[in-house]
Amino acid sequence: MSEKELGQKWDHCLADSAIKFGTGLGLGIVFSVVFFKRRTWPIVFGTGLGLGMAYSNCQNDLRSHYVLHSKVAKEQ
């Protein structure tokens, strides 16, 4: 994997993490205010869920160089 490709993947991971963190935080705040009488656990749960999804996406994206996809295998 080239250094440029690795840098692009890290940039994508950081942007994806920021978006998912913000979305989870925002939804957690909305659910906390609207449904759960201003409890803090929906905020923590939403933020953790967003970060977990971002971590999983980054892990798959960084490992995708080593995975042989079926579409690529059929073309060969």
N, C-alpha and C. Protein backbone atom coordinates (compact mmCIF):
# COMPACT_ATOMS: atom_id res chain seq x y z
N MET A 1 0.86 -1.17 0.00
CA MET A 1 0.00 0.00 0.00
C MET A 1 0.90 1.23 0.00
N SER A 2 0.62 2.13 -0.90
CA SER A 2 1.44 3.33 -0.99
C SER A 2 1.11 4.29 0.15
N GLU A 3 2.04 5.20 0.37
CA GLU A 3 1.87 6.17 1.45
C GLU A 3 0.70 7.12 1.15
N LYS A 4 0.51 7.46 -0.11
CA LYS A 4 -0.59 8.34 -0.50
C LYS A 4 -1.94 7.66 -0.26
N GLU A 5 -2.03 6.39 -0.62
CA GLU A 5 -3.27 5.63 -0.43
C GLU A 5 -3.60 5.48 1.05
N LEU A 6 -2.57 5.22 1.86
CA LEU A 6 -2.77 5.10 3.30
C LEU A 6 -3.23 6.43 3.90
N GLY A 7 -2.66 7.53 3.45
CA GLY A 7 -3.07 8.85 3.92
C GLY A 7 -4.52 9.15 3.57
N GLN A 8 -4.94 8.79 2.36
CA GLN A 8 -6.32 8.99 1.95
C GLN A 8 -7.28 8.16 2.80
N LYS A 9 -6.88 6.95 3.11
CA LYS A 9 -7.74 6.09 3.94
C LYS A 9 -7.86 6.65 5.35
N TRP A 10 -6.75 7.18 5.91
CA TRP A 10 -6.81 7.78 7.24
C TRP A 10 -7.68 9.04 7.24
N ASP A 11 -7.56 9.85 6.19
CA ASP A 11 -8.41 11.04 6.09
C ASP A 11 -9.88 10.65 6.03
N HIS A 12 -10.19 9.62 5.26
CA HIS A 12 -11.56 9.14 5.16
C HIS A 12 -12.04 8.62 6.51
N CYS A 13 -11.18 7.91 7.23
CA CYS A 13 -11.55 7.38 8.55
C CYS A 13 -11.83 8.51 9.54
N LEU A 14 -11.00 9.52 9.55
CA LEU A 14 -11.20 10.63 10.48
C LEU A 14 -12.48 11.41 10.16
N ALA A 15 -12.73 11.63 8.89
CA ALA A 15 -13.96 12.33 8.50
C ALA A 15 -15.20 11.50 8.85
N ASP A 16 -15.14 10.21 8.57
CA ASP A 16 -16.25 9.31 8.89
C ASP A 16 -16.48 9.25 10.40
N SER A 17 -15.40 9.23 11.17
CA SER A 17 -15.52 9.20 12.63
C SER A 17 -16.16 10.47 13.16
N ALA A 18 -15.77 11.61 12.62
CA ALA A 18 -16.34 12.87 13.07
C ALA A 18 -17.84 12.94 12.76
N ILE A 19 -18.21 12.49 11.58
CA ILE A 19 -19.63 12.51 11.19
C ILE A 19 -20.45 11.57 12.07
N LYS A 20 -19.96 10.35 12.27
CA LYS A 20 -20.71 9.39 13.07
C LYS A 20 -20.74 9.78 14.55
N PHE A 21 -19.66 10.36 15.06
CA PHE A 21 -19.64 10.85 16.43
C PHE A 21 -20.67 11.96 16.61
N GLY A 22 -20.68 12.91 15.70
CA GLY A 22 -21.64 14.02 15.78
C GLY A 22 -23.08 13.57 15.64
N THR A 23 -23.32 12.65 14.74
CA THR A 23 -24.68 12.13 14.55
C THR A 23 -25.15 11.37 15.78
N GLY A 24 -24.28 10.52 16.31
CA GLY A 24 -24.65 9.78 17.53
C GLY A 24 -24.89 10.69 18.71
N LEU A 25 -24.06 11.71 18.85
CA LEU A 25 -24.23 12.68 19.92
C LEU A 25 -25.54 13.45 19.76
N GLY A 26 -25.80 13.89 18.54
CA GLY A 26 -27.04 14.64 18.28
C GLY A 26 -28.28 13.81 18.51
N LEU A 27 -28.30 12.60 18.01
CA LEU A 27 -29.46 11.74 18.23
C LEU A 27 -29.61 11.38 19.70
N GLY A 28 -28.49 11.19 20.39
CA GLY A 28 -28.55 10.91 21.82
C GLY A 28 -29.16 12.07 22.59
N ILE A 29 -28.79 13.28 22.24
CA ILE A 29 -29.36 14.47 22.89
C ILE A 29 -30.85 14.58 22.62
N VAL A 30 -31.24 14.36 21.37
CA VAL A 30 -32.67 14.45 21.01
C VAL A 30 -33.47 13.40 21.78
N PHE A 31 -33.01 12.17 21.79
CA PHE A 31 -33.73 11.11 22.50
C PHE A 31 -33.75 11.36 24.00
N SER A 32 -32.66 11.91 24.51
CA SER A 32 -32.59 12.21 25.94
C SER A 32 -33.62 13.26 26.33
N VAL A 33 -33.73 14.29 25.53
CA VAL A 33 -34.66 15.39 25.85
C VAL A 33 -36.11 14.98 25.60
N VAL A 34 -36.36 14.32 24.48
CA VAL A 34 -37.74 14.04 24.08
C VAL A 34 -38.33 12.83 24.83
N PHE A 35 -37.60 11.75 24.93
CA PHE A 35 -38.18 10.51 25.43
C PHE A 35 -37.76 10.11 26.85
N PHE A 36 -36.58 10.49 27.30
CA PHE A 36 -36.05 9.92 28.54
C PHE A 36 -35.83 10.94 29.65
N LYS A 37 -36.55 12.02 29.63
CA LYS A 37 -36.55 13.02 30.72
C LYS A 37 -35.16 13.48 31.11
N ARG A 38 -34.38 13.82 30.11
CA ARG A 38 -33.03 14.38 30.29
C ARG A 38 -32.06 13.48 31.04
N ARG A 39 -32.13 12.21 30.80
CA ARG A 39 -31.14 11.27 31.34
C ARG A 39 -29.90 11.33 30.46
N THR A 40 -28.77 10.92 30.99
CA THR A 40 -27.53 11.01 30.21
C THR A 40 -27.20 9.74 29.43
N TRP A 41 -27.81 8.61 29.78
CA TRP A 41 -27.42 7.37 29.12
C TRP A 41 -27.73 7.34 27.62
N PRO A 42 -28.81 7.98 27.11
CA PRO A 42 -28.99 7.96 25.65
C PRO A 42 -27.88 8.72 24.91
N ILE A 43 -27.33 9.75 25.55
CA ILE A 43 -26.25 10.50 24.92
C ILE A 43 -24.99 9.63 24.84
N VAL A 44 -24.68 8.97 25.93
CA VAL A 44 -23.50 8.09 25.96
C VAL A 44 -23.69 6.92 25.01
N PHE A 45 -24.87 6.34 24.98
CA PHE A 45 -25.15 5.21 24.10
C PHE A 45 -25.04 5.62 22.63
N GLY A 46 -25.63 6.76 22.27
CA GLY A 46 -25.57 7.22 20.88
C GLY A 46 -24.16 7.54 20.44
N THR A 47 -23.40 8.17 21.32
CA THR A 47 -22.01 8.50 20.99
C THR A 47 -21.18 7.23 20.84
N GLY A 48 -21.36 6.30 21.74
CA GLY A 48 -20.63 5.04 21.66
C GLY A 48 -20.99 4.24 20.43
N LEU A 49 -22.25 4.25 20.07
CA LEU A 49 -22.70 3.55 18.88
C LEU A 49 -22.06 4.17 17.63
N GLY A 50 -22.04 5.49 17.57
CA GLY A 50 -21.42 6.18 16.43
C GLY A 50 -19.93 5.90 16.32
N LEU A 51 -19.23 5.94 17.45
CA LEU A 51 -17.80 5.66 17.43
C LEU A 51 -17.52 4.19 17.10
N GLY A 52 -18.38 3.30 17.57
CA GLY A 52 -18.21 1.88 17.24
C GLY A 52 -18.38 1.61 15.77
N MET A 53 -19.37 2.23 15.15
CA MET A 53 -19.57 2.06 13.72
C MET A 53 -18.40 2.66 12.94
N ALA A 54 -17.91 3.81 13.37
CA ALA A 54 -16.78 4.44 12.69
C ALA A 54 -15.52 3.57 12.81
N TYR A 55 -15.30 3.00 13.99
CA TYR A 55 -14.14 2.12 14.18
C TYR A 55 -14.23 0.89 13.27
N SER A 56 -15.40 0.32 13.18
CA SER A 56 -15.59 -0.86 12.34
C SER A 56 -15.36 -0.52 10.86
N ASN A 57 -15.88 0.62 10.42
CA ASN A 57 -15.68 1.04 9.03
C ASN A 57 -14.21 1.30 8.74
N CYS A 58 -13.51 1.94 9.67
CA CYS A 58 -12.09 2.21 9.47
C CYS A 58 -11.29 0.92 9.43
N GLN A 59 -11.62 0.00 10.29
CA GLN A 59 -10.92 -1.27 10.32
C GLN A 59 -11.10 -2.00 8.99
N ASN A 60 -12.32 -2.02 8.48
CA ASN A 60 -12.57 -2.68 7.20
C ASN A 60 -11.90 -1.95 6.05
N ASP A 61 -11.89 -0.63 6.10
CA ASP A 61 -11.28 0.16 5.03
C ASP A 61 -9.77 -0.03 5.01
N LEU A 62 -9.14 -0.06 6.17
CA LEU A 62 -7.69 -0.22 6.21
C LEU A 62 -7.26 -1.64 5.85
N ARG A 63 -8.10 -2.61 6.09
CA ARG A 63 -7.78 -4.00 5.74
C ARG A 63 -8.21 -4.36 4.32
N SER A 64 -8.93 -3.49 3.64
CA SER A 64 -9.49 -3.84 2.33
C SER A 64 -8.41 -4.08 1.28
N HIS A 65 -7.22 -3.57 1.50
CA HIS A 65 -6.14 -3.80 0.56
C HIS A 65 -5.76 -5.28 0.50
N TYR A 66 -5.94 -5.98 1.62
CA TYR A 66 -5.54 -7.38 1.70
C TYR A 66 -6.66 -8.34 1.39
N VAL A 67 -7.89 -7.85 1.24
CA VAL A 67 -9.04 -8.71 0.99
C VAL A 67 -9.25 -8.82 -0.52
N LEU A 68 -9.42 -10.04 -1.00
CA LEU A 68 -9.69 -10.27 -2.40
C LEU A 68 -11.20 -10.33 -2.59
N HIS A 69 -11.75 -9.35 -3.28
CA HIS A 69 -13.19 -9.29 -3.49
C HIS A 69 -13.60 -10.20 -4.63
N SER A 70 -14.83 -10.67 -4.58
CA SER A 70 -15.28 -11.63 -5.59
C SER A 70 -15.35 -11.01 -6.99
N LYS A 71 -15.65 -9.71 -7.07
CA LYS A 71 -15.71 -9.06 -8.38
C LYS A 71 -14.32 -9.05 -9.02
N VAL A 72 -13.30 -8.81 -8.25
CA VAL A 72 -11.94 -8.81 -8.76
C VAL A 72 -11.52 -10.21 -9.19
N ALA A 73 -11.91 -11.20 -8.42
CA ALA A 73 -11.54 -12.58 -8.72
C ALA A 73 -12.22 -13.06 -10.00
N LYS A 74 -13.44 -12.62 -10.27
CA LYS A 74 -14.14 -13.04 -11.48
C LYS A 74 -13.52 -12.44 -12.73
N GLU A 75 -12.99 -11.20 -12.60
CA GLU A 75 -12.38 -10.55 -13.76
C GLU A 75 -11.07 -11.21 -14.15
N GLN A 76 -10.39 -11.80 -13.21
CA GLN A 76 -9.10 -12.43 -13.50
C GLN A 76 -9.36 -13.76 -14.13
